[in-house]
């Protein structure tokens, strides 16, 4: 099993910044990609950004140029730096890990991000 623990959510004003962290522990060998998803009230969960073990990244169009995903392999941690935040970014953000060893993904508990003046 893999455990994912997120931190860093909160309330910020439009134009502000936040950095989310996701620490992985447990059976981390076999994880080939990690990412961040978000889910706003009444909407489906959507991919925000992902990063592979090789460092390749992918972003949804709405966050390109504003968000940056990165990883610290020594700490088994993935980060999401979010700048120029907009009210539309308000959602619960979930950390995700994909493993070669299981047919299912691993998820964190979620962290609330609220953008409001």
Protein backbone atom coordinates (compact mmCIF):
# COMPACT_ATOMS: atom_id res chain seq x y z
CA UNK A 1 0.00 0.00 0.00
CA UNK A 2 0.97 3.60 -0.57
CA UNK A 3 0.01 6.43 1.74
CA UNK A 4 -0.25 9.98 0.43
CA UNK A 5 -0.39 12.92 2.83
CA UNK A 6 -1.18 16.36 1.45
CA UNK A 7 -0.59 19.74 3.00
CA UNK A 8 -0.53 23.38 2.03
CA UNK A 9 -4.12 24.25 1.20
CA UNK A 10 -5.87 27.33 2.50
CA UNK A 11 -7.63 30.57 1.72
CA UNK A 12 -5.92 33.19 -0.43
CA UNK A 13 -6.99 36.25 -2.37
CA UNK A 14 -7.14 36.28 -6.16
CA UNK A 15 -3.66 36.71 -7.58
CA UNK A 16 -2.08 35.02 -4.59
CA UNK A 17 0.03 31.88 -4.37
CA UNK A 18 -0.01 28.55 -2.56
CA UNK A 19 2.24 25.53 -2.57
CA UNK A 20 0.78 22.10 -2.05
CA UNK A 21 2.90 19.18 -0.89
CA UNK A 22 2.23 15.46 -1.11
CA UNK A 23 4.44 13.04 0.78
CA UNK A 24 4.35 9.39 -0.25
CA UNK A 25 5.20 6.50 2.04
CA UNK A 26 4.78 2.76 2.15
CA UNK A 27 5.26 0.63 -0.96
CA UNK A 28 6.52 3.47 -3.12
CA UNK A 29 8.61 1.27 -5.37
CA UNK A 30 6.73 0.92 -8.59
CA UNK A 31 5.23 4.39 -8.57
CA UNK A 32 5.78 5.75 -12.06
CA UNK A 33 3.75 8.93 -11.94
CA UNK A 34 2.25 11.31 -9.42
CA UNK A 35 -0.09 14.18 -9.91
CA UNK A 36 -2.69 16.55 -8.59
CA UNK A 37 -6.38 16.45 -9.31
CA UNK A 38 -9.06 18.84 -8.15
CA UNK A 39 -12.78 18.70 -7.62
CA UNK A 40 -15.01 21.73 -7.28
CA UNK A 41 -18.54 21.48 -5.85
CA UNK A 42 -20.90 19.95 -8.38
CA UNK A 43 -18.13 19.16 -10.83
CA UNK A 44 -16.15 16.09 -11.77
CA UNK A 45 -12.65 15.51 -10.53
CA UNK A 46 -10.12 16.73 -13.10
CA UNK A 47 -6.42 16.37 -13.65
CA UNK A 48 -4.46 19.52 -12.86
CA UNK A 49 -0.87 18.39 -13.39
CA UNK A 50 1.21 15.25 -13.36
CA UNK A 51 4.87 14.28 -13.34
CA UNK A 52 6.49 10.97 -14.21
CA UNK A 53 9.43 9.34 -12.50
CA UNK A 54 11.51 10.54 -15.44
CA UNK A 55 10.43 14.12 -14.81
CA UNK A 56 8.02 14.59 -17.69
CA UNK A 57 5.20 16.94 -16.82
CA UNK A 58 1.67 17.51 -18.05
CA UNK A 59 -0.73 20.35 -17.24
CA UNK A 60 -4.32 21.13 -18.01
CA UNK A 61 -4.59 24.16 -20.24
CA UNK A 62 -6.29 26.32 -17.62
CA UNK A 63 -3.26 26.23 -15.31
CA UNK A 64 -0.40 26.34 -17.81
CA UNK A 65 1.96 29.18 -17.02
CA UNK A 66 0.54 29.56 -13.51
CA UNK A 67 1.11 26.20 -11.84
CA UNK A 68 4.31 24.19 -11.61
CA UNK A 69 4.58 20.57 -10.52
CA UNK A 70 7.85 19.22 -9.21
CA UNK A 71 9.15 16.31 -7.19
CA UNK A 72 11.88 15.64 -4.66
CA UNK A 73 12.75 11.97 -5.05
CA UNK A 74 14.90 11.95 -1.92
CA UNK A 75 11.88 13.03 0.12
CA UNK A 76 9.29 11.07 -1.91
CA UNK A 77 7.38 14.31 -2.16
CA UNK A 78 5.56 16.06 -4.98
CA UNK A 79 4.82 19.76 -4.96
CA UNK A 80 2.35 21.96 -6.78
CA UNK A 81 3.31 25.61 -6.86
CA UNK A 82 0.24 27.65 -7.71
CA UNK A 83 0.62 31.30 -8.69
CA UNK A 84 -1.80 33.92 -9.97
CA UNK A 85 -4.64 32.04 -8.39
CA UNK A 86 -8.16 32.67 -9.62
CA UNK A 87 -11.55 32.05 -8.00
CA UNK A 88 -12.04 29.27 -10.57
CA UNK A 89 -9.16 27.39 -8.96
CA UNK A 90 -11.23 26.90 -5.82
CA UNK A 91 -11.57 23.16 -5.20
CA UNK A 92 -10.44 20.26 -3.10
CA UNK A 93 -7.05 19.20 -4.42
CA UNK A 94 -6.12 15.52 -4.32
CA UNK A 95 -2.73 13.94 -4.67
CA UNK A 96 -2.61 10.89 -6.93
CA UNK A 97 -0.04 8.15 -7.46
CA UNK A 98 0.05 5.51 -10.17
CA UNK A 99 1.90 2.28 -9.52
CA UNK A 100 3.07 -0.47 -11.81
CA UNK A 101 2.21 -2.93 -9.06
CA UNK A 102 -1.50 -2.25 -8.75
CA UNK A 103 -4.38 -1.81 -11.21
CA UNK A 104 -5.74 1.08 -9.18
CA UNK A 105 -4.48 4.53 -8.26
CA UNK A 106 -3.67 5.81 -4.81
CA UNK A 107 -5.27 8.99 -3.50
CA UNK A 108 -4.62 11.40 -0.70
CA UNK A 109 -7.32 12.71 1.60
CA UNK A 110 -7.59 16.04 -0.19
CA UNK A 111 -6.80 19.59 0.81
CA UNK A 112 -9.13 22.55 0.37
CA UNK A 113 -7.97 25.49 -1.72
CA UNK A 114 -10.22 28.56 -1.65
CA UNK A 115 -9.60 31.68 -3.69
CA UNK A 116 -11.70 34.58 -2.51
CA UNK A 117 -11.43 38.24 -1.69
